[in-house]
């Protein structure tokens, strides 16, 4: 569930920023700067979402939600690290794909 929400929020966030990045690219931002800026924004967003998801999960565990409680009682710290690494990989893959899409749209905009 956390990964689906992460992907949904990232795609929604990237869609909102698409016109901003195309404008910055149009006025002269190079590809590397655009990629690094986009990656940094997505990493910060993903880390914040991951922390909030963990806080909400433990808050629900405190209120004795049975499903959450049954999952949390078997989790150990290294599983959270693995989840975080997978989350960062999803962010990297989504950002890389988004940058390729932006490059195509920027090229289409210059050809018209």
C-alpha atoms as a PDB file:
ATOM      1  CA  UNK A   1       0.000   0.000   0.000  1.00  0.00           C
ATOM      2  CA  UNK A   2       2.839   2.385   0.852  1.00  0.00           C
ATOM      3  CA  UNK A   3       4.465   1.838  -2.549  1.00  0.00           C
ATOM      4  CA  UNK A   4       1.212   2.367  -4.428  1.00  0.00           C
ATOM      5  CA  UNK A   5       0.601   5.605  -2.557  1.00  0.00           C
ATOM      6  CA  UNK A   6       4.192   6.676  -3.128  1.00  0.00           C
ATOM      7  CA  UNK A   7       3.904   6.104  -6.849  1.00  0.00           C
ATOM      8  CA  UNK A   8       0.510   7.846  -7.013  1.00  0.00           C
ATOM      9  CA  UNK A   9       1.737  10.920  -5.132  1.00  0.00           C
ATOM     10  CA  UNK A  10       4.958  11.093  -7.155  1.00  0.00           C
ATOM     11  CA  UNK A  11       3.148  10.906 -10.476  1.00  0.00           C
ATOM     12  CA  UNK A  12       0.636  13.529  -9.342  1.00  0.00           C
ATOM     13  CA  UNK A  13       3.437  15.790  -8.122  1.00  0.00           C
ATOM     14  CA  UNK A  14       5.382  15.376 -11.334  1.00  0.00           C
ATOM     15  CA  UNK A  15       2.307  16.133 -13.430  1.00  0.00           C
ATOM     16  CA  UNK A  16       1.827  19.390 -11.549  1.00  0.00           C
ATOM     17  CA  UNK A  17       5.453  20.400 -12.117  1.00  0.00           C
ATOM     18  CA  UNK A  18       5.557  19.438 -15.782  1.00  0.00           C
ATOM     19  CA  UNK A  19       4.790  22.903 -17.152  1.00  0.00           C
ATOM     20  CA  UNK A  20       7.293  24.482 -14.746  1.00  0.00           C
ATOM     21  CA  UNK A  21      10.100  22.209 -15.935  1.00  0.00           C
ATOM     22  CA  UNK A  22       9.207  22.745 -19.583  1.00  0.00           C
ATOM     23  CA  UNK A  23       9.336  26.498 -19.022  1.00  0.00           C
ATOM     24  CA  UNK A  24      12.704  26.278 -17.279  1.00  0.00           C
ATOM     25  CA  UNK A  25      14.008  24.077 -20.078  1.00  0.00           C
ATOM     26  CA  UNK A  26      12.713  26.546 -22.644  1.00  0.00           C
ATOM     27  CA  UNK A  27      14.566  29.460 -21.027  1.00  0.00           C
ATOM     28  CA  UNK A  28      17.837  27.568 -20.980  1.00  0.00           C
ATOM     29  CA  UNK A  29      18.167  25.141 -18.066  1.00  0.00           C
ATOM     30  CA  UNK A  30      20.484  22.333 -19.100  1.00  0.00           C
ATOM     31  CA  UNK A  31      19.445  18.684 -18.914  1.00  0.00           C
ATOM     32  CA  UNK A  32      21.726  17.770 -16.026  1.00  0.00           C
ATOM     33  CA  UNK A  33      20.497  20.611 -13.801  1.00  0.00           C
ATOM     34  CA  UNK A  34      16.895  19.785 -14.598  1.00  0.00           C
ATOM     35  CA  UNK A  35      17.468  16.104 -13.800  1.00  0.00           C
ATOM     36  CA  UNK A  36      19.262  16.831 -10.515  1.00  0.00           C
ATOM     37  CA  UNK A  37      16.644  19.368  -9.437  1.00  0.00           C
ATOM     38  CA  UNK A  38      13.844  16.982 -10.230  1.00  0.00           C
ATOM     39  CA  UNK A  39      15.586  14.074  -8.493  1.00  0.00           C
ATOM     40  CA  UNK A  40      16.288  16.146  -5.363  1.00  0.00           C
ATOM     41  CA  UNK A  41      12.658  17.293  -5.141  1.00  0.00           C
ATOM     42  CA  UNK A  42      11.386  13.750  -5.534  1.00  0.00           C
ATOM     43  CA  UNK A  43      13.827  12.328  -2.989  1.00  0.00           C
ATOM     44  CA  UNK A  44      12.811  14.910  -0.393  1.00  0.00           C
ATOM     45  CA  UNK A  45       9.135  14.213  -1.105  1.00  0.00           C
ATOM     46  CA  UNK A  46       9.633  10.436  -0.898  1.00  0.00           C
ATOM     47  CA  UNK A  47      11.571  10.611   2.382  1.00  0.00           C
ATOM     48  CA  UNK A  48       8.860  12.811   3.910  1.00  0.00           C
ATOM     49  CA  UNK A  49       6.138  10.453   2.675  1.00  0.00           C
ATOM     50  CA  UNK A  50       7.995   7.441   4.053  1.00  0.00           C
ATOM     51  CA  UNK A  51       8.404   9.040   7.482  1.00  0.00           C
ATOM     52  CA  UNK A  52       4.748  10.120   7.565  1.00  0.00           C
ATOM     53  CA  UNK A  53       3.633   6.624   6.525  1.00  0.00           C
ATOM     54  CA  UNK A  54       5.644   5.064   9.349  1.00  0.00           C
ATOM     55  CA  UNK A  55       4.250   7.569  11.867  1.00  0.00           C
ATOM     56  CA  UNK A  56       0.682   6.903  10.710  1.00  0.00           C
ATOM     57  CA  UNK A  57       1.271   3.152  10.836  1.00  0.00           C
ATOM     58  CA  UNK A  58       2.550   3.289  14.405  1.00  0.00           C
ATOM     59  CA  UNK A  59      -0.242   5.685  15.388  1.00  0.00           C
ATOM     60  CA  UNK A  60      -2.794   3.198  14.055  1.00  0.00           C
ATOM     61  CA  UNK A  61      -0.985   0.461  15.950  1.00  0.00           C
ATOM     62  CA  UNK A  62      -1.412   2.458  19.167  1.00  0.00           C
ATOM     63  CA  UNK A  63      -5.162   2.543  18.536  1.00  0.00           C
ATOM     64  CA  UNK A  64      -5.105  -1.258  18.211  1.00  0.00           C
ATOM     65  CA  UNK A  65      -6.138  -1.648  14.596  1.00  0.00           C
ATOM     66  CA  UNK A  66      -5.905  -5.406  14.252  1.00  0.00           C
ATOM     67  CA  UNK A  67      -4.495  -5.582  10.721  1.00  0.00           C
ATOM     68  CA  UNK A  68      -1.795  -2.971  11.390  1.00  0.00           C
ATOM     69  CA  UNK A  69      -0.961  -4.489  14.774  1.00  0.00           C
ATOM     70  CA  UNK A  70      -0.511  -7.963  13.251  1.00  0.00           C
ATOM     71  CA  UNK A  71       1.858  -6.593  10.627  1.00  0.00           C
ATOM     72  CA  UNK A  72       3.887  -4.314  12.917  1.00  0.00           C
ATOM     73  CA  UNK A  73       4.549  -6.893  15.619  1.00  0.00           C
ATOM     74  CA  UNK A  74       6.559  -9.014  13.160  1.00  0.00           C
ATOM     75  CA  UNK A  75       8.559  -6.191  11.576  1.00  0.00           C
ATOM     76  CA  UNK A  76      12.156  -5.482  12.555  1.00  0.00           C
ATOM     77  CA  UNK A  77      14.351  -2.492  11.778  1.00  0.00           C
ATOM     78  CA  UNK A  78      16.132  -3.930   8.742  1.00  0.00           C
ATOM     79  CA  UNK A  79      12.793  -4.503   6.989  1.00  0.00           C
ATOM     80  CA  UNK A  80      12.156  -0.759   7.208  1.00  0.00           C
ATOM     81  CA  UNK A  81      15.586  -0.173   5.686  1.00  0.00           C
ATOM     82  CA  UNK A  82      14.752  -2.535   2.819  1.00  0.00           C
ATOM     83  CA  UNK A  83      11.407  -0.792   2.290  1.00  0.00           C
ATOM     84  CA  UNK A  84      13.173   2.565   2.257  1.00  0.00           C
ATOM     85  CA  UNK A  85      15.701   1.368  -0.339  1.00  0.00           C
ATOM     86  CA  UNK A  86      12.897   0.037  -2.544  1.00  0.00           C
ATOM     87  CA  UNK A  87      11.063   3.341  -2.119  1.00  0.00           C
ATOM     88  CA  UNK A  88      14.151   5.298  -3.199  1.00  0.00           C
ATOM     89  CA  UNK A  89      14.541   3.001  -6.222  1.00  0.00           C
ATOM     90  CA  UNK A  90      10.912   3.691  -7.196  1.00  0.00           C
ATOM     91  CA  UNK A  91      11.598   7.428  -6.915  1.00  0.00           C
ATOM     92  CA  UNK A  92      14.716   7.150  -9.066  1.00  0.00           C
ATOM     93  CA  UNK A  93      12.947   5.084 -11.738  1.00  0.00           C
ATOM     94  CA  UNK A  94       9.931   7.406 -11.813  1.00  0.00           C
ATOM     95  CA  UNK A  95      12.110  10.506 -12.007  1.00  0.00           C
ATOM     96  CA  UNK A  96      14.246   9.067 -14.787  1.00  0.00           C
ATOM     97  CA  UNK A  97      11.148   8.186 -16.805  1.00  0.00           C
ATOM     98  CA  UNK A  98       9.662  11.632 -16.153  1.00  0.00           C
ATOM     99  CA  UNK A  99      12.850  13.324 -17.358  1.00  0.00           C
ATOM    100  CA  UNK A 100      12.755  11.325 -20.590  1.00  0.00           C
ATOM    101  CA  UNK A 101       9.132  12.395 -21.058  1.00  0.00           C
ATOM    102  CA  UNK A 102      10.081  16.017 -20.447  1.00  0.00           C
ATOM    103  CA  UNK A 103      12.875  15.790 -22.996  1.00  0.00           C
ATOM    104  CA  UNK A 104      10.468  14.451 -25.615  1.00  0.00           C
ATOM    105  CA  UNK A 105       7.938  17.186 -24.883  1.00  0.00           C
ATOM    106  CA  UNK A 106      10.623  19.857 -24.980  1.00  0.00           C
ATOM    107  CA  UNK A 107      11.756  18.588 -28.373  1.00  0.00           C
ATOM    108  CA  UNK A 108       8.189  18.486 -29.653  1.00  0.00           C
ATOM    109  CA  UNK A 109       7.639  22.045 -28.461  1.00  0.00           C
ATOM    110  CA  UNK A 110      10.662  23.295 -30.414  1.00  0.00           C
ATOM    111  CA  UNK A 111       9.623  21.519 -33.621  1.00  0.00           C
ATOM    112  CA  UNK A 112       6.139  23.028 -33.761  1.00  0.00           C
END
